[in-house]
Amino acid sequence: MADKETLYDEGLDLAFDGDFEGAIGRYRAALDIDAGYVDAVHALAMAHKELGQLDLAIEAGRRLCELAPDDILAHTSLSQFYQMAGLIAEAEAESAKAKVLDWKRQLSEQKDEGKA
């Protein structure tokens, strides 16, 4: 039986080849092994977006933000899904979260540079 990383990698290969349905199957199999596998959740969301399945992309994007609340890319992706679905207020809220997280990251880096 394949491990979660192998299934995830197979999903990426399928997505690269344009087989998003096949990729979704591999990502879901990886998530059956580890429901909290952040990379697979993000890839799943992106595959659904590519297929125009925005409700499923948003669902996966929300899950991603629950699993990785400080991940700038997670909030940015969810913002894009909302925007594509015409949910502008929700898109703007997620975009704002991503911006705040990025500002915090920048401030932290500046503090770290000051210590060196």
N, C-alpha and C. Protein backbone atom coordinates (compact mmCIF):
# COMPACT_ATOMS: atom_id res chain seq x y z
N MET A 1 0.84 -1.19 0.00
CA MET A 1 0.00 0.00 0.00
C MET A 1 0.88 1.25 0.00
N ALA A 2 0.51 2.23 -0.80
CA ALA A 2 1.28 3.45 -0.93
C ALA A 2 1.12 4.32 0.31
N ASP A 3 2.16 5.08 0.62
CA ASP A 3 2.07 6.01 1.74
C ASP A 3 1.51 7.35 1.24
N LYS A 4 1.23 8.24 2.17
CA LYS A 4 0.56 9.49 1.81
C LYS A 4 1.40 10.36 0.87
N GLU A 5 2.71 10.38 1.07
CA GLU A 5 3.57 11.19 0.21
C GLU A 5 3.58 10.66 -1.23
N THR A 6 3.60 9.32 -1.36
CA THR A 6 3.59 8.72 -2.70
C THR A 6 2.27 9.05 -3.41
N LEU A 7 1.17 8.91 -2.68
CA LEU A 7 -0.14 9.23 -3.27
C LEU A 7 -0.22 10.70 -3.66
N TYR A 8 0.29 11.56 -2.81
CA TYR A 8 0.31 13.00 -3.10
C TYR A 8 1.14 13.27 -4.35
N ASP A 9 2.33 12.69 -4.42
CA ASP A 9 3.19 12.88 -5.59
C ASP A 9 2.53 12.36 -6.87
N GLU A 10 1.86 11.22 -6.77
CA GLU A 10 1.14 10.69 -7.94
C GLU A 10 0.04 11.66 -8.36
N GLY A 11 -0.63 12.25 -7.38
CA GLY A 11 -1.66 13.24 -7.66
C GLY A 11 -1.10 14.46 -8.38
N LEU A 12 0.07 14.91 -7.93
CA LEU A 12 0.71 16.05 -8.60
C LEU A 12 1.04 15.72 -10.05
N ASP A 13 1.56 14.52 -10.27
CA ASP A 13 1.88 14.10 -11.64
C ASP A 13 0.62 14.08 -12.51
N LEU A 14 -0.47 13.56 -11.98
CA LEU A 14 -1.72 13.51 -12.73
C LEU A 14 -2.23 14.93 -13.02
N ALA A 15 -2.16 15.80 -12.02
CA ALA A 15 -2.61 17.18 -12.21
C ALA A 15 -1.76 17.87 -13.26
N PHE A 16 -0.46 17.63 -13.23
CA PHE A 16 0.43 18.22 -14.22
C PHE A 16 0.05 17.78 -15.63
N ASP A 17 -0.42 16.55 -15.73
CA ASP A 17 -0.85 16.01 -17.03
C ASP A 17 -2.28 16.42 -17.39
N GLY A 18 -2.94 17.18 -16.51
CA GLY A 18 -4.29 17.65 -16.78
C GLY A 18 -5.38 16.71 -16.32
N ASP A 19 -5.02 15.62 -15.65
CA ASP A 19 -6.01 14.66 -15.15
C ASP A 19 -6.38 15.03 -13.71
N PHE A 20 -7.20 16.06 -13.58
CA PHE A 20 -7.54 16.56 -12.25
C PHE A 20 -8.45 15.60 -11.48
N GLU A 21 -9.31 14.88 -12.19
CA GLU A 21 -10.15 13.88 -11.52
C GLU A 21 -9.28 12.79 -10.91
N GLY A 22 -8.32 12.31 -11.68
CA GLY A 22 -7.39 11.31 -11.17
C GLY A 22 -6.58 11.84 -10.00
N ALA A 23 -6.15 13.09 -10.11
CA ALA A 23 -5.38 13.72 -9.03
C ALA A 23 -6.21 13.79 -7.76
N ILE A 24 -7.47 14.17 -7.90
CA ILE A 24 -8.35 14.26 -6.73
C ILE A 24 -8.45 12.91 -6.03
N GLY A 25 -8.54 11.84 -6.81
CA GLY A 25 -8.58 10.51 -6.22
C GLY A 25 -7.34 10.20 -5.40
N ARG A 26 -6.18 10.59 -5.90
CA ARG A 26 -4.93 10.34 -5.16
C ARG A 26 -4.85 11.21 -3.91
N TYR A 27 -5.25 12.48 -4.04
CA TYR A 27 -5.21 13.36 -2.86
C TYR A 27 -6.16 12.84 -1.78
N ARG A 28 -7.34 12.38 -2.20
CA ARG A 28 -8.30 11.85 -1.21
C ARG A 28 -7.75 10.59 -0.56
N ALA A 29 -7.05 9.76 -1.33
CA ALA A 29 -6.44 8.56 -0.76
C ALA A 29 -5.36 8.94 0.26
N ALA A 30 -4.58 9.96 -0.05
CA ALA A 30 -3.57 10.43 0.90
C ALA A 30 -4.24 10.96 2.17
N LEU A 31 -5.37 11.66 1.99
CA LEU A 31 -6.09 12.20 3.14
C LEU A 31 -6.80 11.12 3.94
N ASP A 32 -7.09 9.99 3.31
CA ASP A 32 -7.63 8.85 4.06
C ASP A 32 -6.59 8.32 5.05
N ILE A 33 -5.34 8.46 4.69
CA ILE A 33 -4.24 8.03 5.56
C ILE A 33 -3.98 9.07 6.65
N ASP A 34 -4.01 10.34 6.25
CA ASP A 34 -3.74 11.45 7.19
C ASP A 34 -4.64 12.62 6.82
N ALA A 35 -5.75 12.74 7.53
CA ALA A 35 -6.75 13.78 7.23
C ALA A 35 -6.20 15.19 7.41
N GLY A 36 -5.10 15.32 8.12
CA GLY A 36 -4.50 16.62 8.36
C GLY A 36 -3.31 16.94 7.48
N TYR A 37 -3.15 16.21 6.41
CA TYR A 37 -2.02 16.39 5.49
C TYR A 37 -2.26 17.66 4.67
N VAL A 38 -1.68 18.76 5.12
CA VAL A 38 -1.95 20.09 4.59
C VAL A 38 -1.66 20.18 3.09
N ASP A 39 -0.56 19.64 2.63
CA ASP A 39 -0.23 19.74 1.21
C ASP A 39 -1.30 19.07 0.35
N ALA A 40 -1.81 17.94 0.80
CA ALA A 40 -2.84 17.24 0.03
C ALA A 40 -4.16 18.01 0.04
N VAL A 41 -4.48 18.65 1.16
CA VAL A 41 -5.70 19.45 1.21
C VAL A 41 -5.60 20.62 0.24
N HIS A 42 -4.45 21.27 0.22
CA HIS A 42 -4.27 22.41 -0.69
C HIS A 42 -4.32 21.95 -2.14
N ALA A 43 -3.67 20.86 -2.45
CA ALA A 43 -3.68 20.34 -3.81
C ALA A 43 -5.10 19.93 -4.22
N LEU A 44 -5.84 19.35 -3.29
CA LEU A 44 -7.23 18.97 -3.55
C LEU A 44 -8.05 20.21 -3.90
N ALA A 45 -7.89 21.25 -3.12
CA ALA A 45 -8.62 22.50 -3.38
C ALA A 45 -8.28 23.04 -4.77
N MET A 46 -7.01 23.03 -5.12
CA MET A 46 -6.59 23.56 -6.42
C MET A 46 -7.13 22.71 -7.57
N ALA A 47 -7.17 21.40 -7.39
CA ALA A 47 -7.70 20.52 -8.44
C ALA A 47 -9.19 20.78 -8.65
N HIS A 48 -9.91 20.97 -7.56
CA HIS A 48 -11.34 21.29 -7.69
C HIS A 48 -11.52 22.63 -8.40
N LYS A 49 -10.66 23.58 -8.09
CA LYS A 49 -10.74 24.88 -8.76
C LYS A 49 -10.52 24.71 -10.26
N GLU A 50 -9.55 23.91 -10.63
CA GLU A 50 -9.25 23.70 -12.05
C GLU A 50 -10.43 23.07 -12.79
N LEU A 51 -11.22 22.27 -12.08
CA LEU A 51 -12.38 21.63 -12.69
C LEU A 51 -13.62 22.52 -12.62
N GLY A 52 -13.46 23.72 -12.03
CA GLY A 52 -14.60 24.63 -11.91
C GLY A 52 -15.56 24.23 -10.80
N GLN A 53 -15.12 23.36 -9.92
CA GLN A 53 -15.94 22.89 -8.80
C GLN A 53 -15.68 23.81 -7.60
N LEU A 54 -16.19 25.02 -7.70
CA LEU A 54 -15.84 26.04 -6.73
C LEU A 54 -16.36 25.75 -5.33
N ASP A 55 -17.54 25.14 -5.21
CA ASP A 55 -18.04 24.80 -3.88
C ASP A 55 -17.09 23.83 -3.18
N LEU A 56 -16.59 22.85 -3.93
CA LEU A 56 -15.65 21.89 -3.34
C LEU A 56 -14.29 22.52 -3.08
N ALA A 57 -13.87 23.43 -3.96
CA ALA A 57 -12.61 24.15 -3.74
C ALA A 57 -12.71 25.00 -2.47
N ILE A 58 -13.83 25.67 -2.30
CA ILE A 58 -14.03 26.50 -1.10
C ILE A 58 -14.06 25.62 0.15
N GLU A 59 -14.75 24.51 0.08
CA GLU A 59 -14.81 23.59 1.22
C GLU A 59 -13.40 23.14 1.62
N ALA A 60 -12.61 22.73 0.64
CA ALA A 60 -11.23 22.30 0.92
C ALA A 60 -10.39 23.48 1.39
N GLY A 61 -10.61 24.65 0.81
CA GLY A 61 -9.88 25.85 1.23
C GLY A 61 -10.16 26.23 2.66
N ARG A 62 -11.40 26.11 3.07
CA ARG A 62 -11.75 26.39 4.47
C ARG A 62 -11.06 25.39 5.40
N ARG A 63 -11.06 24.12 4.99
CA ARG A 63 -10.39 23.09 5.79
C ARG A 63 -8.90 23.39 5.89
N LEU A 64 -8.32 23.81 4.78
CA LEU A 64 -6.90 24.16 4.76
C LEU A 64 -6.61 25.28 5.75
N CYS A 65 -7.45 26.30 5.78
CA CYS A 65 -7.25 27.42 6.70
C CYS A 65 -7.43 27.00 8.15
N GLU A 66 -8.29 26.00 8.39
CA GLU A 66 -8.43 25.46 9.75
C GLU A 66 -7.16 24.73 10.16
N LEU A 67 -6.60 23.96 9.23
CA LEU A 67 -5.40 23.18 9.53
C LEU A 67 -4.15 24.04 9.63
N ALA A 68 -4.10 25.11 8.84
CA ALA A 68 -2.91 25.97 8.79
C ALA A 68 -3.34 27.43 8.87
N PRO A 69 -3.82 27.87 10.03
CA PRO A 69 -4.39 29.22 10.14
C PRO A 69 -3.39 30.35 9.90
N ASP A 70 -2.11 30.08 10.02
CA ASP A 70 -1.10 31.11 9.80
C ASP A 70 -0.45 31.03 8.42
N ASP A 71 -1.00 30.22 7.55
CA ASP A 71 -0.44 30.03 6.20
C ASP A 71 -1.00 31.09 5.26
N ILE A 72 -0.15 31.99 4.81
CA ILE A 72 -0.56 33.07 3.93
C ILE A 72 -1.15 32.53 2.64
N LEU A 73 -0.52 31.53 2.06
CA LEU A 73 -0.99 30.97 0.80
C LEU A 73 -2.37 30.32 0.94
N ALA A 74 -2.64 29.71 2.08
CA ALA A 74 -3.95 29.10 2.31
C ALA A 74 -5.05 30.15 2.23
N HIS A 75 -4.85 31.27 2.89
CA HIS A 75 -5.85 32.34 2.88
C HIS A 75 -5.95 33.00 1.51
N THR A 76 -4.82 33.14 0.84
CA THR A 76 -4.82 33.71 -0.51
C THR A 76 -5.59 32.82 -1.47
N SER A 77 -5.36 31.52 -1.39
CA SER A 77 -6.08 30.58 -2.26
C SER A 77 -7.57 30.63 -1.98
N LEU A 78 -7.95 30.60 -0.72
CA LEU A 78 -9.37 30.65 -0.38
C LEU A 78 -9.99 31.95 -0.88
N SER A 79 -9.26 33.04 -0.77
CA SER A 79 -9.74 34.32 -1.29
C SER A 79 -10.01 34.23 -2.79
N GLN A 80 -9.12 33.59 -3.52
CA GLN A 80 -9.30 33.43 -4.97
C GLN A 80 -10.52 32.58 -5.28
N PHE A 81 -10.72 31.51 -4.52
CA PHE A 81 -11.89 30.66 -4.75
C PHE A 81 -13.18 31.44 -4.52
N TYR A 82 -13.20 32.20 -3.43
CA TYR A 82 -14.38 33.03 -3.15
C TYR A 82 -14.62 34.03 -4.28
N GLN A 83 -13.55 34.66 -4.71
CA GLN A 83 -13.69 35.66 -5.78
C GLN A 83 -14.26 35.03 -7.04
N MET A 84 -13.73 33.86 -7.40
CA MET A 84 -14.22 33.17 -8.60
C MET A 84 -15.69 32.79 -8.48
N ALA A 85 -16.14 32.54 -7.24
CA ALA A 85 -17.53 32.17 -6.99
C ALA A 85 -18.43 33.40 -6.84
N GLY A 86 -17.84 34.59 -6.95
CA GLY A 86 -18.63 35.81 -6.83
C GLY A 86 -18.92 36.22 -5.40
N LEU A 87 -18.24 35.62 -4.45
CA LEU A 87 -18.42 35.93 -3.03
C LEU A 87 -17.37 36.96 -2.62
N ILE A 88 -17.62 38.20 -3.01
CA ILE A 88 -16.61 39.25 -2.91
C ILE A 88 -16.29 39.61 -1.46
N ALA A 89 -17.28 39.73 -0.60
CA ALA A 89 -17.01 40.07 0.79
C ALA A 89 -16.14 39.01 1.46
N GLU A 90 -16.44 37.75 1.19
CA GLU A 90 -15.65 36.65 1.76
C GLU A 90 -14.23 36.67 1.19
N ALA A 91 -14.13 36.96 -0.12
CA ALA A 91 -12.81 37.04 -0.75
C ALA A 91 -11.97 38.14 -0.13
N GLU A 92 -12.59 39.29 0.09
CA GLU A 92 -11.86 40.41 0.69
C GLU A 92 -11.43 40.11 2.12
N ALA A 93 -12.28 39.42 2.87
CA ALA A 93 -11.94 39.05 4.25
C ALA A 93 -10.73 38.12 4.28
N GLU A 94 -10.71 37.12 3.41
CA GLU A 94 -9.57 36.21 3.37
C GLU A 94 -8.31 36.90 2.89
N SER A 95 -8.46 37.79 1.93
CA SER A 95 -7.32 38.56 1.44
C SER A 95 -6.73 39.41 2.56
N ALA A 96 -7.59 40.01 3.36
CA ALA A 96 -7.13 40.82 4.49
C ALA A 96 -6.38 39.96 5.51
N LYS A 97 -6.88 38.74 5.77
CA LYS A 97 -6.18 37.84 6.69
C LYS A 97 -4.78 37.53 6.16
N ALA A 98 -4.68 37.28 4.86
CA ALA A 98 -3.37 36.98 4.26
C ALA A 98 -2.43 38.17 4.41
N LYS A 99 -2.95 39.37 4.19
CA LYS A 99 -2.11 40.57 4.31
C LYS A 99 -1.62 40.76 5.73
N VAL A 100 -2.47 40.58 6.72
CA VAL A 100 -2.07 40.72 8.12
C VAL A 100 -1.00 39.68 8.46
N LEU A 101 -1.20 38.44 8.02
CA LEU A 101 -0.19 37.41 8.27
C LEU A 101 1.14 37.76 7.63
N ASP A 102 1.09 38.33 6.43
CA ASP A 102 2.32 38.72 5.75
C ASP A 102 3.01 39.86 6.50
N TRP A 103 2.25 40.82 6.99
CA TRP A 103 2.83 41.91 7.77
C TRP A 103 3.49 41.37 9.03
N LYS A 104 2.83 40.44 9.71
CA LYS A 104 3.41 39.83 10.91
C LYS A 104 4.71 39.12 10.58
N ARG A 105 4.72 38.41 9.44
CA ARG A 105 5.93 37.71 9.01
C ARG A 105 7.05 38.72 8.78
N GLN A 106 6.75 39.81 8.10
CA GLN A 106 7.75 40.83 7.81
C GLN A 106 8.29 41.45 9.10
N LEU A 107 7.41 41.75 10.04
CA LEU A 107 7.85 42.31 11.32
C LEU A 107 8.74 41.34 12.07
N SER A 108 8.38 40.07 12.05
CA SER A 108 9.18 39.05 12.72
C SER A 108 10.57 38.96 12.10
N GLU A 109 10.62 39.02 10.76
CA GLU A 109 11.91 38.98 10.08
C GLU A 109 12.76 40.20 10.42
N GLN A 110 12.13 41.36 10.53
CA GLN A 110 12.86 42.58 10.88
C GLN A 110 13.43 42.48 12.30
N LYS A 111 12.64 41.92 13.22
CA LYS A 111 13.11 41.73 14.59
C LYS A 111 14.30 40.79 14.62
N ASP A 112 14.19 39.69 13.84
CA ASP A 112 15.27 38.71 13.78
C ASP A 112 16.54 39.32 13.20
N GLU A 113 16.39 40.18 12.20
CA GLU A 113 17.55 40.85 11.60
C GLU A 113 18.21 41.79 12.59
N GLY A 114 17.41 42.42 13.44
CA GLY A 114 17.93 43.34 14.45
C GLY A 114 18.72 42.65 15.54
N LYS A 115 18.43 41.37 15.76
CA LYS A 115 19.14 40.58 16.76
C LYS A 115 20.50 40.09 16.27
N ALA A 116 20.65 40.02 14.97
CA ALA A 116 21.88 39.44 14.40
C ALA A 116 23.05 40.37 14.48
